[in-house]
Structures are given as C-alpha cells and as structure tokens.
Amino acid sequence: MESMGKKKPRPRRSFTPEFKAEIVELCRRGDRSVGQVAKDFDLTETAGGCG
C-alpha cells in the first residue's frame, strides 16, 4: 500500500543572476504579488529572492 500525498522532491535548479534580477524587479514593481510572480515562473515564493 502506497502512502498518498508524498511529493517527489524537485531537483534543485540554478538561476542566472540576470534571471534573479528580473524576478526581483517584477516583485518590486508591484504589478503582481510575490506569489503571482512565483506561480508565473514556476517558483516557490522563497526561490526568487523577493520579499
């Protein structure tokens, strides 16, 4: 019997400084929430450097 609800851990991704800067800029602009920016780029809210 398999236990339900366990997610496989995501492989750790690396991001270029340019990509990180773009994410931070999007967050700072305030057009979208940190959560929305994270969803748009398939990130966790802590991954993008916002906040």
PDB file of N, CA and C in Angstrom:
ATOM      1  N   MET A   1       0.831  -1.195   0.000  1.00  0.00           N
ATOM      2  CA  MET A   1       0.000   0.000   0.000  1.00  0.00           C
ATOM      3  C   MET A   1       0.875   1.258   0.000  1.00  0.00           C
ATOM      4  N   GLU A   2       0.675   2.107  -1.031  1.00  0.00           N
ATOM      5  CA  GLU A   2       1.485   3.320  -1.135  1.00  0.00           C
ATOM      6  C   GLU A   2       0.888   4.443  -0.310  1.00  0.00           C
ATOM      7  N   SER A   3       1.744   5.220   0.304  1.00  0.00           N
ATOM      8  CA  SER A   3       1.235   6.378   1.037  1.00  0.00           C
ATOM      9  C   SER A   3       0.943   7.497   0.052  1.00  0.00           C
ATOM     10  N   MET A   4      -0.216   8.090   0.178  1.00  0.00           N
ATOM     11  CA  MET A   4      -0.637   9.141  -0.740  1.00  0.00           C
ATOM     12  C   MET A   4      -0.143  10.496  -0.244  1.00  0.00           C
ATOM     13  N   GLY A   5      -0.015  11.437  -1.169  1.00  0.00           N
ATOM     14  CA  GLY A   5       0.289  12.804  -0.783  1.00  0.00           C
ATOM     15  C   GLY A   5       1.762  13.134  -0.675  1.00  0.00           C
ATOM     16  N   LYS A   6       2.620  12.175  -0.894  1.00  0.00           N
ATOM     17  CA  LYS A   6       4.058  12.487  -0.833  1.00  0.00           C
ATOM     18  C   LYS A   6       4.512  12.956  -2.202  1.00  0.00           C
ATOM     19  N   LYS A   7       5.091  14.144  -2.237  1.00  0.00           N
ATOM     20  CA  LYS A   7       5.623  14.668  -3.491  1.00  0.00           C
ATOM     21  C   LYS A   7       7.086  14.281  -3.616  1.00  0.00           C
ATOM     22  N   LYS A   8       7.490  14.040  -4.838  1.00  0.00           N
ATOM     23  CA  LYS A   8       8.916  13.831  -5.064  1.00  0.00           C
ATOM     24  C   LYS A   8       9.605  15.179  -4.901  1.00  0.00           C
ATOM     25  N   PRO A   9      10.745  15.202  -4.247  1.00  0.00           N
ATOM     26  CA  PRO A   9      11.443  16.488  -4.137  1.00  0.00           C
ATOM     27  C   PRO A   9      11.882  16.962  -5.518  1.00  0.00           C
ATOM     28  N   ARG A  10      11.753  18.248  -5.742  1.00  0.00           N
ATOM     29  CA  ARG A  10      12.179  18.820  -7.016  1.00  0.00           C
ATOM     30  C   ARG A  10      13.692  18.840  -7.085  1.00  0.00           C
ATOM     31  N   PRO A  11      14.223  18.590  -8.257  1.00  0.00           N
ATOM     32  CA  PRO A  11      15.671  18.785  -8.373  1.00  0.00           C
ATOM     33  C   PRO A  11      15.982  20.269  -8.195  1.00  0.00           C
ATOM     34  N   ARG A  12      17.077  20.558  -7.547  1.00  0.00           N
ATOM     35  CA  ARG A  12      17.435  21.959  -7.313  1.00  0.00           C
ATOM     36  C   ARG A  12      17.856  22.600  -8.624  1.00  0.00           C
ATOM     37  N   ARG A  13      17.255  23.736  -8.921  1.00  0.00           N
ATOM     38  CA  ARG A  13      17.589  24.441 -10.154  1.00  0.00           C
ATOM     39  C   ARG A  13      18.516  25.599  -9.833  1.00  0.00           C
ATOM     40  N   SER A  14      19.350  25.957 -10.791  1.00  0.00           N
ATOM     41  CA  SER A  14      20.188  27.136 -10.599  1.00  0.00           C
ATOM     42  C   SER A  14      19.696  28.227 -11.539  1.00  0.00           C
ATOM     43  N   PHE A  15      19.776  29.444 -11.078  1.00  0.00           N
ATOM     44  CA  PHE A  15      19.276  30.580 -11.833  1.00  0.00           C
ATOM     45  C   PHE A  15      20.414  31.564 -12.076  1.00  0.00           C
ATOM     46  N   THR A  16      20.413  32.152 -13.255  1.00  0.00           N
ATOM     47  CA  THR A  16      21.444  33.143 -13.568  1.00  0.00           C
ATOM     48  C   THR A  16      21.166  34.420 -12.780  1.00  0.00           C
ATOM     49  N   PRO A  17      22.198  35.205 -12.544  1.00  0.00           N
ATOM     50  CA  PRO A  17      21.986  36.497 -11.866  1.00  0.00           C
ATOM     51  C   PRO A  17      20.988  37.381 -12.631  1.00  0.00           C
ATOM     52  N   GLU A  18      21.012  37.295 -13.953  1.00  0.00           N
ATOM     53  CA  GLU A  18      20.081  38.090 -14.767  1.00  0.00           C
ATOM     54  C   GLU A  18      18.642  37.669 -14.513  1.00  0.00           C
ATOM     55  N   PHE A  19      18.416  36.356 -14.441  1.00  0.00           N
ATOM     56  CA  PHE A  19      17.071  35.847 -14.182  1.00  0.00           C
ATOM     57  C   PHE A  19      16.587  36.295 -12.808  1.00  0.00           C
ATOM     58  N   LYS A  20      17.463  36.177 -11.820  1.00  0.00           N
ATOM     59  CA  LYS A  20      17.099  36.595 -10.459  1.00  0.00           C
ATOM     60  C   LYS A  20      16.762  38.081 -10.415  1.00  0.00           C
ATOM     61  N   ALA A  21      17.572  38.877 -11.107  1.00  0.00           N
ATOM     62  CA  ALA A  21      17.335  40.323 -11.125  1.00  0.00           C
ATOM     63  C   ALA A  21      15.993  40.640 -11.764  1.00  0.00           C
ATOM     64  N   GLU A  22      15.645  39.902 -12.809  1.00  0.00           N
ATOM     65  CA  GLU A  22      14.353  40.113 -13.477  1.00  0.00           C
ATOM     66  C   GLU A  22      13.194  39.805 -12.531  1.00  0.00           C
ATOM     67  N   ILE A  23      13.307  38.720 -11.793  1.00  0.00           N
ATOM     68  CA  ILE A  23      12.254  38.334 -10.852  1.00  0.00           C
ATOM     69  C   ILE A  23      12.114  39.392  -9.757  1.00  0.00           C
ATOM     70  N   VAL A  24      13.248  39.818  -9.208  1.00  0.00           N
ATOM     71  CA  VAL A  24      13.222  40.830  -8.153  1.00  0.00           C
ATOM     72  C   VAL A  24      12.588  42.119  -8.673  1.00  0.00           C
ATOM     73  N   GLU A  25      12.944  42.505  -9.887  1.00  0.00           N
ATOM     74  CA  GLU A  25      12.374  43.716 -10.479  1.00  0.00           C
ATOM     75  C   GLU A  25      10.858  43.599 -10.632  1.00  0.00           C
ATOM     76  N   LEU A  26      10.388  42.439 -11.080  1.00  0.00           N
ATOM     77  CA  LEU A  26       8.941  42.231 -11.213  1.00  0.00           C
ATOM     78  C   LEU A  26       8.246  42.364  -9.864  1.00  0.00           C
ATOM     79  N   CYS A  27       8.876  41.831  -8.828  1.00  0.00           N
ATOM     80  CA  CYS A  27       8.292  41.917  -7.484  1.00  0.00           C
ATOM     81  C   CYS A  27       8.274  43.364  -6.990  1.00  0.00           C
ATOM     82  N   ARG A  28       9.360  44.074  -7.249  1.00  0.00           N
ATOM     83  CA  ARG A  28       9.463  45.463  -6.767  1.00  0.00           C
ATOM     84  C   ARG A  28       8.479  46.391  -7.457  1.00  0.00           C
ATOM     85  N   ARG A  29       8.204  46.122  -8.728  1.00  0.00           N
ATOM     86  CA  ARG A  29       7.274  46.969  -9.474  1.00  0.00           C
ATOM     87  C   ARG A  29       5.889  46.982  -8.857  1.00  0.00           C
ATOM     88  N   GLY A  30       5.520  45.842  -8.260  1.00  0.00           N
ATOM     89  CA  GLY A  30       4.244  45.790  -7.570  1.00  0.00           C
ATOM     90  C   GLY A  30       3.053  45.506  -8.465  1.00  0.00           C
ATOM     91  N   ASP A  31       3.297  45.188  -9.750  1.00  0.00           N
ATOM     92  CA  ASP A  31       2.189  44.845 -10.637  1.00  0.00           C
ATOM     93  C   ASP A  31       1.513  43.550 -10.198  1.00  0.00           C
ATOM     94  N   ARG A  32       2.326  42.636  -9.688  1.00  0.00           N
ATOM     95  CA  ARG A  32       1.834  41.328  -9.257  1.00  0.00           C
ATOM     96  C   ARG A  32       2.392  41.037  -7.872  1.00  0.00           C
ATOM     97  N   SER A  33       1.683  40.192  -7.148  1.00  0.00           N
ATOM     98  CA  SER A  33       2.178  39.800  -5.829  1.00  0.00           C
ATOM     99  C   SER A  33       3.370  38.856  -6.000  1.00  0.00           C
ATOM    100  N   VAL A  34       4.127  38.695  -4.934  1.00  0.00           N
ATOM    101  CA  VAL A  34       5.243  37.751  -4.952  1.00  0.00           C
ATOM    102  C   VAL A  34       4.733  36.361  -5.322  1.00  0.00           C
ATOM    103  N   GLY A  35       3.591  35.991  -4.741  1.00  0.00           N
ATOM    104  CA  GLY A  35       3.006  34.684  -5.032  1.00  0.00           C
ATOM    105  C   GLY A  35       2.664  34.523  -6.502  1.00  0.00           C
ATOM    106  N   GLN A  36       2.144  35.580  -7.118  1.00  0.00           N
ATOM    107  CA  GLN A  36       1.772  35.513  -8.528  1.00  0.00           C
ATOM    108  C   GLN A  36       3.011  35.416  -9.413  1.00  0.00           C
ATOM    109  N   VAL A  37       4.036  36.187  -9.102  1.00  0.00           N
ATOM    110  CA  VAL A  37       5.286  36.112  -9.861  1.00  0.00           C
ATOM    111  C   VAL A  37       5.870  34.703  -9.735  1.00  0.00           C
ATOM    112  N   ALA A  38       5.849  34.160  -8.525  1.00  0.00           N
ATOM    113  CA  ALA A  38       6.367  32.810  -8.295  1.00  0.00           C
ATOM    114  C   ALA A  38       5.609  31.787  -9.146  1.00  0.00           C
ATOM    115  N   LYS A  39       4.280  31.897  -9.166  1.00  0.00           N
ATOM    116  CA  LYS A  39       3.484  30.970  -9.978  1.00  0.00           C
ATOM    117  C   LYS A  39       3.807  31.113 -11.456  1.00  0.00           C
ATOM    118  N   ASP A  40       3.929  32.351 -11.914  1.00  0.00           N
ATOM    119  CA  ASP A  40       4.191  32.603 -13.332  1.00  0.00           C
ATOM    120  C   ASP A  40       5.494  31.959 -13.796  1.00  0.00           C
ATOM    121  N   PHE A  41       6.474  31.906 -12.891  1.00  0.00           N
ATOM    122  CA  PHE A  41       7.782  31.354 -13.259  1.00  0.00           C
ATOM    123  C   PHE A  41       8.015  29.967 -12.669  1.00  0.00           C
ATOM    124  N   ASP A  42       6.970  29.342 -12.142  1.00  0.00           N
ATOM    125  CA  ASP A  42       7.057  28.012 -11.542  1.00  0.00           C
ATOM    126  C   ASP A  42       8.125  27.951 -10.455  1.00  0.00           C
ATOM    127  N   LEU A  43       8.047  28.923  -9.543  1.00  0.00           N
ATOM    128  CA  LEU A  43       8.989  29.009  -8.426  1.00  0.00           C
ATOM    129  C   LEU A  43       8.238  28.843  -7.123  1.00  0.00           C
ATOM    130  N   THR A  44       8.978  28.546  -6.075  1.00  0.00           N
ATOM    131  CA  THR A  44       8.411  28.691  -4.737  1.00  0.00           C
ATOM    132  C   THR A  44       8.589  30.146  -4.344  1.00  0.00           C
ATOM    133  N   GLU A  45       7.828  30.615  -3.398  1.00  0.00           N
ATOM    134  CA  GLU A  45       7.907  32.036  -3.029  1.00  0.00           C
ATOM    135  C   GLU A  45       9.267  32.412  -2.460  1.00  0.00           C
ATOM    136  N   THR A  46      10.032  31.468  -1.963  1.00  0.00           N
ATOM    137  CA  THR A  46      11.339  31.782  -1.405  1.00  0.00           C
ATOM    138  C   THR A  46      12.456  31.678  -2.438  1.00  0.00           C
ATOM    139  N   ALA A  47      12.168  31.137  -3.611  1.00  0.00           N
ATOM    140  CA  ALA A  47      13.241  30.871  -4.591  1.00  0.00           C
ATOM    141  C   ALA A  47      13.672  32.100  -5.370  1.00  0.00           C
ATOM    142  N   GLY A  48      12.755  33.028  -5.582  1.00  0.00           N
ATOM    143  CA  GLY A  48      13.047  34.113  -6.493  1.00  0.00           C
ATOM    144  C   GLY A  48      13.803  35.280  -5.913  1.00  0.00           C
ATOM    145  N   GLY A  49      13.984  35.310  -4.602  1.00  0.00           N
ATOM    146  CA  GLY A  49      14.697  36.421  -3.995  1.00  0.00           C
ATOM    147  C   GLY A  49      13.821  37.617  -3.694  1.00  0.00           C
ATOM    148  N   CYS A  50      12.514  37.455  -3.796  1.00  0.00           N
ATOM    149  CA  CYS A  50      11.591  38.543  -3.495  1.00  0.00           C
ATOM    150  C   CYS A  50      11.224  38.488  -2.008  1.00  0.00           C
ATOM    151  N   GLY A  51      10.870  39.651  -1.472  1.00  0.00           N
ATOM    152  CA  GLY A  51      10.282  39.621  -0.147  1.00  0.00           C
ATOM    153  C   GLY A  51      11.155  40.033   0.976  1.00  0.00           C
TER     154      GLY A  51
END
